[in-house]
Amino acid sequence: MPMYWSGGWGGWLLMTFAMMVLWGAVVWAIVYAVRGFRDRRERERRSESSALEILEGRYARGEIDDKEFRERRKALTEGRAA
């Protein structure tokens, strides 16, 4: 037996399990962060599209005139508030 071997297999198994849990948690955290960032970007893109679609619908129904449509579309595409 090695000089510092004192616990048998129990300690080795416990440390192996602890390392697997640690690395699993690290991988899970990375995946969670990447998915959250991607989902947030997708939601922002969809909300911009949605606002443009609403604006186009209002213009098509005649609720706003050409000048107002162009101003609001410009504000939406440049990221400024109308």
Protein backbone atom coordinates (compact mmCIF):
# COMPACT_ATOMS: atom_id res chain seq x y z
CA MET A 1 0.00 0.00 0.00
CA PRO A 2 1.13 3.56 -0.67
CA MET A 3 2.43 5.50 2.24
CA TYR A 4 -0.51 7.96 2.57
CA TRP A 5 -3.32 5.58 1.63
CA SER A 6 -5.57 5.39 4.65
CA GLY A 7 -9.24 5.49 3.68
CA GLY A 8 -9.73 2.67 1.22
CA TRP A 9 -12.00 3.17 -1.78
CA GLY A 10 -14.60 5.33 -0.04
CA GLY A 11 -12.63 8.56 -0.16
CA TRP A 12 -11.62 8.03 -3.76
CA LEU A 13 -15.23 7.41 -4.84
CA LEU A 14 -16.46 10.43 -2.91
CA MET A 15 -13.87 12.72 -4.51
CA THR A 16 -14.67 11.34 -7.98
CA PHE A 17 -18.37 12.00 -7.45
CA ALA A 18 -17.66 15.51 -6.12
CA MET A 19 -15.54 16.36 -9.17
CA MET A 20 -18.25 15.08 -11.51
CA VAL A 21 -20.82 17.26 -9.74
CA LEU A 22 -18.50 20.28 -9.86
CA TRP A 23 -17.75 19.95 -13.59
CA GLY A 24 -21.41 19.25 -14.33
CA ALA A 25 -22.35 22.46 -12.54
CA VAL A 26 -19.72 24.44 -14.49
CA VAL A 27 -20.97 23.09 -17.83
CA TRP A 28 -24.61 23.73 -16.85
CA ALA A 29 -23.80 27.34 -15.87
CA ILE A 30 -22.04 28.00 -19.18
CA VAL A 31 -24.91 26.51 -21.21
CA TYR A 32 -27.48 28.44 -19.15
CA ALA A 33 -25.62 31.73 -19.66
CA VAL A 34 -25.20 31.23 -23.41
CA ARG A 35 -28.84 30.27 -23.92
CA GLY A 36 -30.03 33.21 -21.85
CA PHE A 37 -27.97 35.65 -23.87
CA ARG A 38 -29.14 34.17 -27.18
CA ASP A 39 -32.80 34.13 -26.09
CA ARG A 40 -32.63 37.74 -24.92
CA ARG A 41 -31.16 38.84 -28.26
CA GLU A 42 -33.87 36.91 -30.12
CA ARG A 43 -36.63 38.50 -28.02
CA GLU A 44 -35.23 41.98 -28.70
CA ARG A 45 -35.10 41.28 -32.44
CA ARG A 46 -38.66 39.94 -32.43
CA SER A 47 -39.95 42.97 -30.51
CA GLU A 48 -38.39 45.30 -33.07
CA SER A 49 -39.99 43.34 -35.91
CA SER A 50 -43.26 43.37 -34.08
CA ALA A 51 -43.18 47.15 -33.68
CA LEU A 52 -42.45 47.61 -37.38
CA GLU A 53 -45.25 45.22 -38.31
CA ILE A 54 -47.69 47.16 -36.12
CA LEU A 55 -46.57 50.43 -37.67
CA GLU A 56 -46.95 49.03 -41.19
CA GLY A 57 -50.41 47.74 -40.31
CA ARG A 58 -51.49 51.15 -39.02
CA TYR A 59 -50.19 52.76 -42.20
CA ALA A 60 -51.96 50.19 -44.39
CA ARG A 61 -55.25 50.83 -42.57
CA GLY A 62 -54.85 54.58 -43.05
CA GLU A 63 -54.58 55.40 -39.35
CA ILE A 64 -51.39 57.40 -39.93
CA ASP A 65 -50.22 59.45 -42.89
CA ASP A 66 -47.09 59.00 -44.98
CA LYS A 67 -45.03 61.59 -43.09
CA GLU A 68 -45.81 60.11 -39.68
CA PHE A 69 -45.11 56.59 -40.98
CA ARG A 70 -41.67 57.61 -42.30
CA GLU A 71 -40.78 59.42 -39.07
CA ARG A 72 -41.80 56.54 -36.84
CA ARG A 73 -40.13 53.92 -39.05
CA LYS A 74 -36.92 55.94 -38.97
CA ALA A 75 -37.15 56.20 -35.18
CA LEU A 76 -37.69 52.45 -34.83
CA THR A 77 -34.88 51.43 -37.18
CA GLU A 78 -32.40 53.88 -35.63
CA GLY A 79 -33.32 52.84 -32.09
CA ARG A 80 -34.68 56.20 -30.97
CA ALA A 81 -38.04 56.59 -29.25
CA ALA A 82 -40.77 58.13 -31.39
